[in-house]
Amino acid sequence: MKYHQTAAWQKYLLLMKERPDDFAQGPLEIVTDAGLVDRFYEENRKELGVLYRSPYHILVVDLVRDMEDRDRLFAYERLLPAADGAAVVAVPVYNGKFILLCQFRHAVRKDVLAFPRGFGENGLGSEDNLKKELKEELQVDQVEDIRPLGSIAADTGSLSGQADVYFCRVSRPRIRQGYEEIEELVYADEAGLRQMIARREIIDGFTLAAFALYQEHGKMQ
């Protein structure tokens, strides 16, 4: 069987038709010619196409043409969001203080301080997703004064998805012990949050970017 006939490559071609924006051509040209795909695999033994799919991510490996050497092809892996809904990051405030989660994050294998956030879900708008995530993670009954702050592309080298960022005020939060490895809630005013960043207690990229957007667009009144 030629590589262009494999399930991984056929799923890739189908995904291209379903989500053309994720495969828009640019300076790094995506190559789909069956002959070139087969030749690349025979010479390099590197798998291409859709290699893994979960409810959260799709791992794709594109065949890409080098910008400087047009005869050179190489594999470029990236993660696409599995759902079509918008991922969200909340900048929640209760009684004049920001709320952060202290949560164990498997990817870095340690506790991380971060604003609440969540993956997108099919058919769910970003504001509804925001309220759902805050209900799940903070057990809040009310989410008010919702203000869009912008969007974040967390890692443009390997992640294709973006997250919408919202400032909001919430009713009294309650910890849901153990849910998604949440260990405690941490409260800080703006000065305290800046000090935590300066002391490198906050390293989460979504949180740092969301706070930067808040400082530019969403100051509390």
N, C-alpha and C. Protein backbone atom coordinates (compact mmCIF):
# COMPACT_ATOMS: atom_id res chain seq x y z
N MET A 1 0.84 -1.20 0.00
CA MET A 1 0.00 0.00 0.00
C MET A 1 0.88 1.25 0.00
N LYS A 2 0.54 2.18 -0.87
CA LYS A 2 1.24 3.45 -0.88
C LYS A 2 0.78 4.31 0.31
N TYR A 3 1.68 5.24 0.72
CA TYR A 3 1.34 5.99 1.93
C TYR A 3 0.09 6.86 1.73
N HIS A 4 -0.10 7.39 0.53
CA HIS A 4 -1.27 8.25 0.33
C HIS A 4 -2.59 7.49 0.43
N GLN A 5 -2.52 6.16 0.48
CA GLN A 5 -3.70 5.34 0.63
C GLN A 5 -3.99 4.96 2.09
N THR A 6 -3.11 5.31 3.00
CA THR A 6 -3.28 4.94 4.40
C THR A 6 -4.43 5.70 5.04
N ALA A 7 -4.94 5.15 6.15
CA ALA A 7 -6.04 5.80 6.86
C ALA A 7 -5.64 7.17 7.37
N ALA A 8 -4.39 7.29 7.84
CA ALA A 8 -3.93 8.57 8.38
C ALA A 8 -3.98 9.66 7.33
N TRP A 9 -3.56 9.34 6.11
CA TRP A 9 -3.55 10.35 5.05
C TRP A 9 -4.96 10.62 4.52
N GLN A 10 -5.79 9.60 4.41
CA GLN A 10 -7.16 9.80 3.94
C GLN A 10 -7.97 10.64 4.94
N LYS A 11 -7.74 10.42 6.24
CA LYS A 11 -8.39 11.25 7.26
C LYS A 11 -7.93 12.69 7.15
N TYR A 12 -6.68 12.88 6.81
CA TYR A 12 -6.10 14.21 6.64
C TYR A 12 -6.78 14.95 5.50
N LEU A 13 -6.94 14.28 4.36
CA LEU A 13 -7.59 14.91 3.20
C LEU A 13 -9.05 15.26 3.52
N LEU A 14 -9.72 14.40 4.26
CA LEU A 14 -11.09 14.68 4.65
C LEU A 14 -11.16 15.88 5.59
N LEU A 15 -10.21 15.96 6.52
CA LEU A 15 -10.17 17.08 7.46
C LEU A 15 -9.92 18.39 6.71
N MET A 16 -9.10 18.35 5.68
CA MET A 16 -8.85 19.54 4.87
C MET A 16 -10.15 20.07 4.25
N LYS A 17 -10.99 19.17 3.80
CA LYS A 17 -12.27 19.58 3.19
C LYS A 17 -13.22 20.13 4.25
N GLU A 18 -13.20 19.51 5.43
CA GLU A 18 -14.11 19.94 6.50
C GLU A 18 -13.70 21.27 7.12
N ARG A 19 -12.39 21.52 7.18
CA ARG A 19 -11.88 22.70 7.88
C ARG A 19 -10.83 23.41 7.03
N PRO A 20 -11.23 23.99 5.92
CA PRO A 20 -10.25 24.58 4.99
C PRO A 20 -9.42 25.71 5.60
N ASP A 21 -9.98 26.45 6.55
CA ASP A 21 -9.23 27.55 7.14
C ASP A 21 -7.98 27.07 7.87
N ASP A 22 -8.03 25.84 8.38
CA ASP A 22 -6.87 25.29 9.08
C ASP A 22 -5.77 24.84 8.13
N PHE A 23 -6.06 24.87 6.84
CA PHE A 23 -5.08 24.42 5.84
C PHE A 23 -4.87 25.47 4.76
N ALA A 24 -5.11 26.72 5.09
CA ALA A 24 -4.91 27.80 4.12
C ALA A 24 -3.45 27.85 3.70
N GLN A 25 -3.22 28.06 2.43
CA GLN A 25 -1.85 28.10 1.93
C GLN A 25 -1.17 29.42 2.29
N GLY A 26 0.15 29.37 2.47
CA GLY A 26 0.94 30.54 2.81
C GLY A 26 2.37 30.33 2.35
N PRO A 27 3.29 31.12 2.88
CA PRO A 27 4.70 30.98 2.49
C PRO A 27 5.23 29.57 2.70
N LEU A 28 4.80 28.90 3.79
CA LEU A 28 5.11 27.48 3.96
C LEU A 28 3.99 26.68 3.30
N GLU A 29 4.24 26.21 2.10
CA GLU A 29 3.21 25.56 1.30
C GLU A 29 2.92 24.15 1.80
N ILE A 30 1.64 23.84 2.01
CA ILE A 30 1.23 22.48 2.37
C ILE A 30 1.13 21.66 1.09
N VAL A 31 1.80 20.53 1.08
CA VAL A 31 1.89 19.68 -0.12
C VAL A 31 0.98 18.46 0.06
N THR A 32 0.13 18.19 -0.94
CA THR A 32 -0.77 17.05 -0.87
C THR A 32 -0.64 16.12 -2.09
N ASP A 33 0.26 16.42 -2.99
CA ASP A 33 0.45 15.58 -4.17
C ASP A 33 0.78 14.15 -3.74
N ALA A 34 0.00 13.18 -4.22
CA ALA A 34 0.16 11.80 -3.77
C ALA A 34 1.56 11.26 -4.04
N GLY A 35 2.12 11.59 -5.21
CA GLY A 35 3.46 11.10 -5.53
C GLY A 35 4.51 11.65 -4.59
N LEU A 36 4.42 12.92 -4.26
CA LEU A 36 5.38 13.51 -3.35
C LEU A 36 5.21 12.97 -1.93
N VAL A 37 3.96 12.74 -1.53
CA VAL A 37 3.70 12.15 -0.21
C VAL A 37 4.33 10.76 -0.12
N ASP A 38 4.12 9.95 -1.15
CA ASP A 38 4.68 8.60 -1.15
C ASP A 38 6.22 8.64 -1.13
N ARG A 39 6.80 9.51 -1.95
CA ARG A 39 8.26 9.59 -2.02
C ARG A 39 8.85 10.05 -0.70
N PHE A 40 8.21 11.05 -0.07
CA PHE A 40 8.72 11.54 1.21
C PHE A 40 8.72 10.43 2.26
N TYR A 41 7.62 9.66 2.32
CA TYR A 41 7.57 8.60 3.31
C TYR A 41 8.61 7.53 3.02
N GLU A 42 8.77 7.15 1.77
CA GLU A 42 9.74 6.12 1.42
C GLU A 42 11.16 6.55 1.79
N GLU A 43 11.47 7.82 1.61
CA GLU A 43 12.83 8.31 1.87
C GLU A 43 13.09 8.61 3.35
N ASN A 44 12.04 8.98 4.09
CA ASN A 44 12.25 9.45 5.46
C ASN A 44 11.58 8.60 6.54
N ARG A 45 10.62 7.79 6.16
CA ARG A 45 9.88 6.96 7.10
C ARG A 45 9.27 7.78 8.23
N LYS A 46 8.75 8.94 7.88
CA LYS A 46 8.04 9.79 8.83
C LYS A 46 6.56 9.81 8.46
N GLU A 47 5.73 9.48 9.44
CA GLU A 47 4.30 9.42 9.18
C GLU A 47 3.71 10.82 8.98
N LEU A 48 2.72 10.90 8.12
CA LEU A 48 2.04 12.15 7.80
C LEU A 48 0.54 11.96 8.00
N GLY A 49 -0.18 13.08 8.07
CA GLY A 49 -1.63 13.02 8.14
C GLY A 49 -2.17 13.18 9.54
N VAL A 50 -3.34 12.61 9.81
CA VAL A 50 -3.97 12.66 11.13
C VAL A 50 -3.47 11.45 11.92
N LEU A 51 -2.62 11.71 12.92
CA LEU A 51 -1.99 10.62 13.65
C LEU A 51 -2.67 10.32 14.98
N TYR A 52 -3.46 11.26 15.50
CA TYR A 52 -4.14 11.03 16.78
C TYR A 52 -5.31 11.99 16.89
N ARG A 53 -6.39 11.50 17.51
CA ARG A 53 -7.54 12.37 17.73
C ARG A 53 -8.18 12.02 19.06
N SER A 54 -8.47 13.05 19.85
CA SER A 54 -9.15 12.90 21.13
C SER A 54 -10.33 13.88 21.14
N PRO A 55 -11.12 13.91 22.21
CA PRO A 55 -12.18 14.92 22.27
C PRO A 55 -11.65 16.35 22.34
N TYR A 56 -10.34 16.50 22.56
CA TYR A 56 -9.76 17.83 22.76
C TYR A 56 -8.84 18.28 21.62
N HIS A 57 -8.05 17.37 21.08
CA HIS A 57 -7.04 17.73 20.09
C HIS A 57 -7.04 16.78 18.91
N ILE A 58 -6.54 17.30 17.80
CA ILE A 58 -6.23 16.48 16.63
C ILE A 58 -4.75 16.73 16.30
N LEU A 59 -3.96 15.67 16.34
CA LEU A 59 -2.55 15.79 15.97
C LEU A 59 -2.40 15.53 14.48
N VAL A 60 -1.99 16.55 13.74
CA VAL A 60 -1.75 16.38 12.31
C VAL A 60 -0.28 16.64 12.01
N VAL A 61 0.21 15.95 11.01
CA VAL A 61 1.56 16.19 10.51
C VAL A 61 1.43 16.53 9.04
N ASP A 62 1.74 17.79 8.72
CA ASP A 62 1.67 18.27 7.35
C ASP A 62 2.97 17.95 6.61
N LEU A 63 2.87 17.81 5.32
CA LEU A 63 4.04 17.80 4.45
C LEU A 63 4.19 19.21 3.90
N VAL A 64 5.33 19.84 4.17
CA VAL A 64 5.51 21.26 3.88
C VAL A 64 6.74 21.45 2.99
N ARG A 65 6.62 22.43 2.08
CA ARG A 65 7.72 22.75 1.18
C ARG A 65 8.56 23.87 1.77
N ASP A 66 9.87 23.68 1.79
CA ASP A 66 10.81 24.67 2.32
C ASP A 66 10.73 25.97 1.53
N MET A 67 10.72 27.12 2.22
CA MET A 67 10.60 28.42 1.57
C MET A 67 11.83 28.76 0.74
N GLU A 68 13.01 28.37 1.22
CA GLU A 68 14.26 28.75 0.55
C GLU A 68 14.70 27.71 -0.47
N ASP A 69 14.47 26.44 -0.15
CA ASP A 69 14.84 25.36 -1.06
C ASP A 69 13.56 24.65 -1.49
N ARG A 70 13.02 25.00 -2.63
CA ARG A 70 11.72 24.50 -3.06
C ARG A 70 11.72 23.00 -3.32
N ASP A 71 12.89 22.41 -3.46
CA ASP A 71 12.97 20.96 -3.68
C ASP A 71 12.95 20.18 -2.36
N ARG A 72 13.09 20.90 -1.25
CA ARG A 72 13.14 20.23 0.05
C ARG A 72 11.76 20.21 0.70
N LEU A 73 11.34 19.03 1.10
CA LEU A 73 10.09 18.84 1.81
C LEU A 73 10.38 18.38 3.23
N PHE A 74 9.54 18.78 4.19
CA PHE A 74 9.73 18.32 5.57
C PHE A 74 8.38 18.19 6.27
N ALA A 75 8.37 17.42 7.33
CA ALA A 75 7.16 17.19 8.12
C ALA A 75 7.05 18.25 9.21
N TYR A 76 5.82 18.73 9.44
CA TYR A 76 5.59 19.75 10.47
C TYR A 76 4.34 19.34 11.26
N GLU A 77 4.54 18.99 12.54
CA GLU A 77 3.40 18.57 13.34
C GLU A 77 2.75 19.75 14.06
N ARG A 78 1.44 19.67 14.25
CA ARG A 78 0.70 20.71 14.96
C ARG A 78 -0.57 20.12 15.55
N LEU A 79 -1.10 20.80 16.56
CA LEU A 79 -2.33 20.38 17.22
C LEU A 79 -3.47 21.31 16.81
N LEU A 80 -4.57 20.72 16.37
CA LEU A 80 -5.78 21.46 16.07
C LEU A 80 -6.81 21.17 17.16
N PRO A 81 -7.65 22.13 17.51
CA PRO A 81 -8.72 21.83 18.45
C PRO A 81 -9.71 20.87 17.81
N ALA A 82 -10.18 19.90 18.57
CA ALA A 82 -11.11 18.92 18.01
C ALA A 82 -12.51 19.51 17.82
N ALA A 83 -12.89 20.44 18.69
CA ALA A 83 -14.24 21.02 18.64
C ALA A 83 -14.24 22.30 17.82
N ASP A 84 -15.43 22.68 17.34
CA ASP A 84 -15.54 23.91 16.57
C ASP A 84 -15.89 25.11 17.46
N GLY A 85 -16.21 24.88 18.72
CA GLY A 85 -16.52 25.98 19.63
C GLY A 85 -15.26 26.68 20.10
N ALA A 86 -15.45 27.88 20.66
CA ALA A 86 -14.32 28.69 21.08
C ALA A 86 -13.84 28.29 22.47
N ALA A 87 -12.52 28.09 22.60
CA ALA A 87 -11.92 27.94 23.93
C ALA A 87 -11.98 29.30 24.64
N VAL A 88 -11.98 29.27 25.97
CA VAL A 88 -12.13 30.52 26.72
C VAL A 88 -11.15 30.58 27.88
N VAL A 89 -10.79 31.82 28.24
CA VAL A 89 -10.05 32.11 29.46
C VAL A 89 -10.83 33.16 30.22
N ALA A 90 -11.09 32.92 31.50
CA ALA A 90 -11.81 33.87 32.33
C ALA A 90 -10.84 34.67 33.18
N VAL A 91 -11.13 35.96 33.31
CA VAL A 91 -10.43 36.83 34.28
C VAL A 91 -11.49 37.20 35.31
N PRO A 92 -11.74 36.30 36.28
CA PRO A 92 -12.86 36.49 37.20
C PRO A 92 -12.47 37.31 38.43
N VAL A 93 -13.40 38.11 38.87
CA VAL A 93 -13.19 38.96 40.04
C VAL A 93 -14.32 38.75 41.03
N TYR A 94 -13.95 38.62 42.29
CA TYR A 94 -14.92 38.54 43.38
C TYR A 94 -14.50 39.49 44.49
N ASN A 95 -15.39 40.39 44.87
CA ASN A 95 -15.09 41.39 45.91
C ASN A 95 -13.79 42.14 45.64
N GLY A 96 -13.59 42.52 44.38
CA GLY A 96 -12.44 43.33 44.03
C GLY A 96 -11.12 42.59 43.90
N LYS A 97 -11.16 41.26 43.94
CA LYS A 97 -9.92 40.49 43.82
C LYS A 97 -10.05 39.45 42.71
N PHE A 98 -8.94 39.25 42.01
CA PHE A 98 -8.88 38.22 40.99
C PHE A 98 -8.88 36.84 41.65
N ILE A 99 -9.44 35.87 40.94
CA ILE A 99 -9.45 34.49 41.41
C ILE A 99 -8.56 33.65 40.51
N LEU A 100 -7.61 32.96 41.12
CA LEU A 100 -6.76 32.03 40.39
C LEU A 100 -6.94 30.62 40.95
N LEU A 101 -6.78 29.65 40.09
CA LEU A 101 -6.80 28.26 40.53
C LEU A 101 -5.37 27.80 40.80
N CYS A 102 -5.18 27.11 41.92
CA CYS A 102 -3.94 26.36 42.12
C CYS A 102 -4.27 24.93 41.71
N GLN A 103 -3.69 24.51 40.61
CA GLN A 103 -4.13 23.28 39.95
C GLN A 103 -2.92 22.48 39.48
N PHE A 104 -2.93 21.17 39.72
CA PHE A 104 -1.86 20.32 39.21
C PHE A 104 -2.04 20.15 37.71
N ARG A 105 -0.99 20.48 36.95
CA ARG A 105 -1.03 20.36 35.50
C ARG A 105 -0.10 19.24 35.06
N HIS A 106 -0.70 18.23 34.45
CA HIS A 106 0.06 17.04 34.07
C HIS A 106 1.18 17.35 33.09
N ALA A 107 0.93 18.26 32.15
CA ALA A 107 1.92 18.53 31.10
C ALA A 107 3.26 18.98 31.68
N VAL A 108 3.21 19.78 32.75
CA VAL A 108 4.46 20.26 33.36
C VAL A 108 4.76 19.54 34.67
N ARG A 109 3.84 18.67 35.09
CA ARG A 109 4.00 17.82 36.28
C ARG A 109 4.24 18.63 37.55
N LYS A 110 3.47 19.70 37.72
CA LYS A 110 3.55 20.46 38.95
C LYS A 110 2.32 21.35 39.10
N ASP A 111 2.18 21.91 40.31
CA ASP A 111 1.09 22.84 40.57
C ASP A 111 1.32 24.16 39.83
N VAL A 112 0.25 24.71 39.30
CA VAL A 112 0.33 25.95 38.52
C VAL A 112 -0.80 26.88 38.98
N LEU A 113 -0.47 28.16 39.11
CA LEU A 113 -1.47 29.18 39.37
C LEU A 113 -1.97 29.74 38.04
N ALA A 114 -3.28 29.76 37.86
CA ALA A 114 -3.81 30.20 36.56
C ALA A 114 -5.25 30.64 36.68
N PHE A 115 -5.66 31.51 35.75
CA PHE A 115 -7.07 31.84 35.61
C PHE A 115 -7.83 30.61 35.10
N PRO A 116 -9.11 30.49 35.42
CA PRO A 116 -9.90 29.39 34.87
C PRO A 116 -9.96 29.45 33.34
N ARG A 117 -9.96 28.30 32.72
CA ARG A 117 -10.08 28.26 31.26
C ARG A 117 -10.64 26.91 30.85
N GLY A 118 -11.05 26.83 29.58
CA GLY A 118 -11.61 25.58 29.11
C GLY A 118 -11.54 25.43 27.61
N PHE A 119 -11.53 24.18 27.16
CA PHE A 119 -11.57 23.88 25.74
C PHE A 119 -12.91 24.32 25.13
N GLY A 120 -12.91 24.51 23.83
CA GLY A 120 -14.15 24.77 23.13
C GLY A 120 -15.01 23.51 23.07
N GLU A 121 -16.31 23.70 22.88
CA GLU A 121 -17.23 22.58 22.72
C GLU A 121 -18.10 22.83 21.50
N ASN A 122 -18.38 21.77 20.77
CA ASN A 122 -19.19 21.89 19.56
C ASN A 122 -20.53 22.54 19.85
N GLY A 123 -20.86 23.57 19.07
CA GLY A 123 -22.16 24.22 19.18
C GLY A 123 -22.32 25.14 20.37
N LEU A 124 -21.25 25.39 21.13
CA LEU A 124 -21.35 26.24 22.33
C LEU A 124 -20.59 27.53 22.10
N GLY A 125 -21.28 28.67 22.20
CA GLY A 125 -20.64 29.96 22.03
C GLY A 125 -19.69 30.26 23.18
N SER A 126 -18.80 31.23 22.97
CA SER A 126 -17.75 31.47 23.96
C SER A 126 -18.30 31.98 25.29
N GLU A 127 -19.32 32.84 25.28
CA GLU A 127 -19.86 33.33 26.55
C GLU A 127 -20.55 32.22 27.33
N ASP A 128 -21.28 31.36 26.63
CA ASP A 128 -21.91 30.23 27.30
C ASP A 128 -20.85 29.26 27.83
N ASN A 129 -19.79 29.10 27.08
CA ASN A 129 -18.69 28.23 27.53
C ASN A 129 -18.03 28.82 28.77
N LEU A 130 -17.87 30.14 28.78
CA LEU A 130 -17.31 30.83 29.93
C LEU A 130 -18.13 30.52 31.19
N LYS A 131 -19.45 30.69 31.10
CA LYS A 131 -20.31 30.46 32.26
C LYS A 131 -20.26 29.00 32.69
N LYS A 132 -20.21 28.10 31.74
CA LYS A 132 -20.14 26.66 32.05
C LYS A 132 -18.86 26.34 32.81
N GLU A 133 -17.72 26.87 32.32
CA GLU A 133 -16.44 26.59 32.98
C GLU A 133 -16.40 27.16 34.39
N LEU A 134 -16.92 28.37 34.57
CA LEU A 134 -16.91 28.98 35.90
C LEU A 134 -17.84 28.24 36.85
N LYS A 135 -18.95 27.74 36.35
CA LYS A 135 -19.85 26.94 37.18
C LYS A 135 -19.15 25.66 37.62
N GLU A 136 -18.43 25.03 36.71
CA GLU A 136 -17.77 23.77 37.01
C GLU A 136 -16.58 23.96 37.95
N GLU A 137 -15.78 25.00 37.70
CA GLU A 137 -14.51 25.13 38.41
C GLU A 137 -14.61 25.98 39.68
N LEU A 138 -15.53 26.95 39.69
CA LEU A 138 -15.65 27.83 40.86
C LEU A 138 -16.97 27.66 41.59
N GLN A 139 -17.89 26.86 41.02
CA GLN A 139 -19.19 26.63 41.65
C GLN A 139 -19.96 27.93 41.88
N VAL A 140 -19.82 28.89 40.96
CA VAL A 140 -20.49 30.18 41.13
C VAL A 140 -21.91 30.10 40.59
N ASP A 141 -22.81 30.88 41.22
CA ASP A 141 -24.20 30.91 40.78
C ASP A 141 -24.47 32.05 39.80
N GLN A 142 -23.63 33.09 39.86
CA GLN A 142 -23.86 34.25 38.99
C GLN A 142 -22.55 34.67 38.32
N VAL A 143 -22.65 35.02 37.03
CA VAL A 143 -21.53 35.58 36.27
C VAL A 143 -22.06 36.86 35.63
N GLU A 144 -21.50 38.00 36.02
CA GLU A 144 -22.02 39.29 35.57
C GLU A 144 -20.91 40.16 35.01
N ASP A 145 -21.31 41.28 34.43
CA ASP A 145 -20.37 42.28 33.90
C ASP A 145 -19.34 41.64 32.99
N ILE A 146 -19.82 40.80 32.08
CA ILE A 146 -18.92 40.08 31.17
C ILE A 146 -18.42 41.03 30.09
N ARG A 147 -17.10 41.11 29.95
CA ARG A 147 -16.49 42.00 28.96
C ARG A 147 -15.45 41.24 28.14
N PRO A 148 -15.59 41.21 26.83
CA PRO A 148 -14.55 40.57 26.01
C PRO A 148 -13.28 41.40 25.99
N LEU A 149 -12.15 40.74 26.16
CA LEU A 149 -10.85 41.44 26.19
C LEU A 149 -10.01 41.17 24.94
N GLY A 150 -10.32 40.13 24.20
CA GLY A 150 -9.51 39.78 23.03
C GLY A 150 -9.34 38.28 22.94
N SER A 151 -8.38 37.86 22.15
CA SER A 151 -8.12 36.44 21.94
C SER A 151 -6.63 36.15 22.11
N ILE A 152 -6.34 34.90 22.44
CA ILE A 152 -4.97 34.45 22.67
C ILE A 152 -4.67 33.27 21.75
N ALA A 153 -3.57 33.32 21.05
CA ALA A 153 -3.00 32.16 20.37
C ALA A 153 -1.80 31.73 21.20
N ALA A 154 -1.97 30.69 21.98
CA ALA A 154 -1.02 30.39 23.05
C ALA A 154 0.36 29.98 22.53
N ASP A 155 0.41 29.23 21.44
CA ASP A 155 1.70 28.77 20.91
C ASP A 155 1.56 28.66 19.40
N THR A 156 1.96 29.70 18.69
CA THR A 156 1.78 29.73 17.24
C THR A 156 2.76 28.82 16.51
N GLY A 157 3.67 28.20 17.25
CA GLY A 157 4.59 27.25 16.63
C GLY A 157 3.99 25.87 16.47
N SER A 158 3.01 25.51 17.33
CA SER A 158 2.47 24.16 17.25
C SER A 158 0.97 24.05 17.48
N LEU A 159 0.33 25.09 18.02
CA LEU A 159 -1.11 25.03 18.29
C LEU A 159 -1.85 25.94 17.33
N SER A 160 -2.92 25.43 16.74
CA SER A 160 -3.66 26.26 15.77
C SER A 160 -4.83 26.98 16.40
N GLY A 161 -5.30 26.55 17.55
CA GLY A 161 -6.49 27.14 18.14
C GLY A 161 -6.21 28.44 18.87
N GLN A 162 -7.29 29.19 19.12
CA GLN A 162 -7.23 30.42 19.89
C GLN A 162 -8.26 30.36 21.01
N ALA A 163 -8.06 31.17 22.03
CA ALA A 163 -8.98 31.23 23.16
C ALA A 163 -9.47 32.66 23.32
N ASP A 164 -10.77 32.81 23.52
CA ASP A 164 -11.36 34.12 23.78
C ASP A 164 -11.24 34.44 25.27
N VAL A 165 -10.88 35.68 25.58
CA VAL A 165 -10.64 36.10 26.96
C VAL A 165 -11.74 37.04 27.41
N TYR A 166 -12.26 36.81 28.62
CA TYR A 166 -13.33 37.64 29.16
C TYR A 166 -13.03 38.04 30.60
N PHE A 167 -13.23 39.32 30.88
CA PHE A 167 -13.31 39.78 32.26
C PHE A 167 -14.74 39.53 32.74
N CYS A 168 -14.90 39.21 34.03
CA CYS A 168 -16.25 39.04 34.58
C CYS A 168 -16.22 39.14 36.09
N ARG A 169 -17.37 39.44 36.64
CA ARG A 169 -17.54 39.43 38.10
C ARG A 169 -18.42 38.23 38.45
N VAL A 170 -18.07 37.57 39.55
CA VAL A 170 -18.78 36.35 39.90
C VAL A 170 -19.28 36.43 41.34
N SER A 171 -20.28 35.61 41.62
CA SER A 171 -20.74 35.46 43.00
C SER A 171 -19.71 34.63 43.77
N ARG A 172 -19.96 34.46 45.05
CA ARG A 172 -18.97 33.83 45.92
C ARG A 172 -18.54 32.46 45.38
N PRO A 173 -17.26 32.28 45.11
CA PRO A 173 -16.79 30.99 44.60
C PRO A 173 -16.62 29.97 45.72
N ARG A 174 -16.73 28.72 45.34
CA ARG A 174 -16.51 27.62 46.29
C ARG A 174 -15.63 26.59 45.62
N ILE A 175 -14.67 26.11 46.35
CA ILE A 175 -13.75 25.12 45.77
C ILE A 175 -14.46 23.78 45.63
N ARG A 176 -14.21 23.14 44.53
CA ARG A 176 -14.69 21.77 44.30
C ARG A 176 -13.46 20.88 44.43
N GLN A 177 -13.19 20.45 45.65
CA GLN A 177 -11.95 19.76 45.97
C GLN A 177 -11.73 18.55 45.07
N GLY A 178 -10.57 18.55 44.42
CA GLY A 178 -10.19 17.41 43.59
C GLY A 178 -10.69 17.47 42.16
N TYR A 179 -11.65 18.36 41.87
CA TYR A 179 -12.16 18.43 40.49
C TYR A 179 -11.07 18.95 39.57
N GLU A 180 -10.74 18.18 38.55
CA GLU A 180 -9.68 18.53 37.60
C GLU A 180 -8.39 18.95 38.32
N GLU A 181 -8.11 18.26 39.42
CA GLU A 181 -6.87 18.46 40.20
C GLU A 181 -6.75 19.87 40.78
N ILE A 182 -7.88 20.55 40.99
CA ILE A 182 -7.86 21.87 41.63
C ILE A 182 -7.63 21.68 43.13
N GLU A 183 -6.61 22.35 43.66
CA GLU A 183 -6.24 22.17 45.05
C GLU A 183 -6.73 23.30 45.95
N GLU A 184 -6.74 24.53 45.43
CA GLU A 184 -7.24 25.66 46.20
C GLU A 184 -7.49 26.85 45.28
N LEU A 185 -8.21 27.84 45.82
CA LEU A 185 -8.41 29.09 45.12
C LEU A 185 -7.51 30.15 45.74
N VAL A 186 -6.91 30.98 44.91
CA VAL A 186 -6.00 32.03 45.37
C VAL A 186 -6.59 33.38 44.93
N TYR A 187 -6.63 34.33 45.86
CA TYR A 187 -7.19 35.65 45.58
C TYR A 187 -6.07 36.69 45.60
N ALA A 188 -6.13 37.65 44.68
CA ALA A 188 -5.11 38.71 44.64
C ALA A 188 -5.70 39.95 44.00
N ASP A 189 -5.32 41.13 44.54
CA ASP A 189 -5.67 42.37 43.85
C ASP A 189 -4.65 42.59 42.73
N GLU A 190 -4.81 43.68 42.00
CA GLU A 190 -3.94 43.90 40.84
C GLU A 190 -2.48 44.01 41.23
N ALA A 191 -2.19 44.73 42.31
CA ALA A 191 -0.81 44.88 42.76
C ALA A 191 -0.24 43.53 43.18
N GLY A 192 -1.06 42.76 43.88
CA GLY A 192 -0.60 41.44 44.31
C GLY A 192 -0.34 40.51 43.15
N LEU A 193 -1.18 40.61 42.13
CA LEU A 193 -0.98 39.77 40.95
C LEU A 193 0.32 40.14 40.23
N ARG A 194 0.59 41.42 40.15
CA ARG A 194 1.85 41.85 39.53
C ARG A 194 3.05 41.33 40.32
N GLN A 195 2.96 41.36 41.64
CA GLN A 195 4.06 40.86 42.46
C GLN A 195 4.25 39.35 42.26
N MET A 196 3.16 38.62 42.13
CA MET A 196 3.26 37.18 41.90
C MET A 196 3.92 36.89 40.55
N ILE A 197 3.61 37.73 39.57
CA ILE A 197 4.26 37.57 38.26
C ILE A 197 5.74 37.90 38.36
N ALA A 198 6.08 38.99 39.07
CA ALA A 198 7.48 39.39 39.22
C ALA A 198 8.28 38.33 39.95
N ARG A 199 7.64 37.65 40.91
CA ARG A 199 8.33 36.59 41.67
C ARG A 199 8.31 35.26 40.93
N ARG A 200 7.76 35.25 39.74
CA ARG A 200 7.67 34.06 38.89
C ARG A 200 6.83 32.96 39.52
N GLU A 201 5.86 33.38 40.31
CA GLU A 201 4.92 32.43 40.87
C GLU A 201 3.84 32.07 39.86
N ILE A 202 3.64 32.95 38.87
CA ILE A 202 2.69 32.68 37.78
C ILE A 202 3.49 32.53 36.50
N ILE A 203 3.42 31.34 35.91
CA ILE A 203 4.16 31.07 34.68
C ILE A 203 3.23 30.65 33.55
N ASP A 204 1.96 30.45 33.85
CA ASP A 204 1.01 30.00 32.83
C ASP A 204 0.83 31.05 31.74
N GLY A 205 1.06 30.66 30.50
CA GLY A 205 1.02 31.61 29.40
C GLY A 205 -0.35 32.21 29.16
N PHE A 206 -1.42 31.41 29.29
CA PHE A 206 -2.77 31.94 29.12
C PHE A 206 -3.05 33.03 30.15
N THR A 207 -2.63 32.80 31.39
CA THR A 207 -2.89 33.74 32.47
C THR A 207 -2.11 35.03 32.27
N LEU A 208 -0.85 34.91 31.90
CA LEU A 208 -0.02 36.10 31.67
C LEU A 208 -0.59 36.93 30.52
N ALA A 209 -0.99 36.27 29.44
CA ALA A 209 -1.54 36.99 28.29
C ALA A 209 -2.90 37.60 28.62
N ALA A 210 -3.74 36.87 29.36
CA ALA A 210 -5.06 37.39 29.72
C ALA A 210 -4.93 38.61 30.63
N PHE A 211 -3.97 38.57 31.55
CA PHE A 211 -3.78 39.72 32.44
C PHE A 211 -3.27 40.93 31.65
N ALA A 212 -2.42 40.70 30.66
CA ALA A 212 -1.95 41.79 29.81
C ALA A 212 -3.12 42.42 29.05
N LEU A 213 -4.03 41.59 28.54
CA LEU A 213 -5.21 42.12 27.85
C LEU A 213 -6.10 42.89 28.81
N TYR A 214 -6.23 42.37 30.03
CA TYR A 214 -7.03 43.08 31.03
C TYR A 214 -6.44 44.46 31.32
N GLN A 215 -5.13 44.54 31.48
CA GLN A 215 -4.49 45.82 31.78
C GLN A 215 -4.69 46.82 30.65
N GLU A 216 -4.77 46.32 29.43
CA GLU A 216 -4.94 47.21 28.28
C GLU A 216 -6.39 47.60 28.05
N HIS A 217 -7.32 46.67 28.30
CA HIS A 217 -8.70 46.90 27.86
C HIS A 217 -9.76 46.82 28.96
N GLY A 218 -9.46 46.20 30.07
CA GLY A 218 -10.57 45.85 30.96
C GLY A 218 -10.46 46.29 32.39
N LYS A 219 -9.81 47.39 32.67
CA LYS A 219 -9.63 47.83 34.05
C LYS A 219 -10.96 47.84 34.81
N MET A 220 -10.92 47.35 36.06
CA MET A 220 -12.12 47.37 36.90
C MET A 220 -12.54 48.81 37.20
N GLN A 221 -13.83 49.01 37.23
CA GLN A 221 -14.38 50.32 37.55
C GLN A 221 -15.18 50.25 38.85
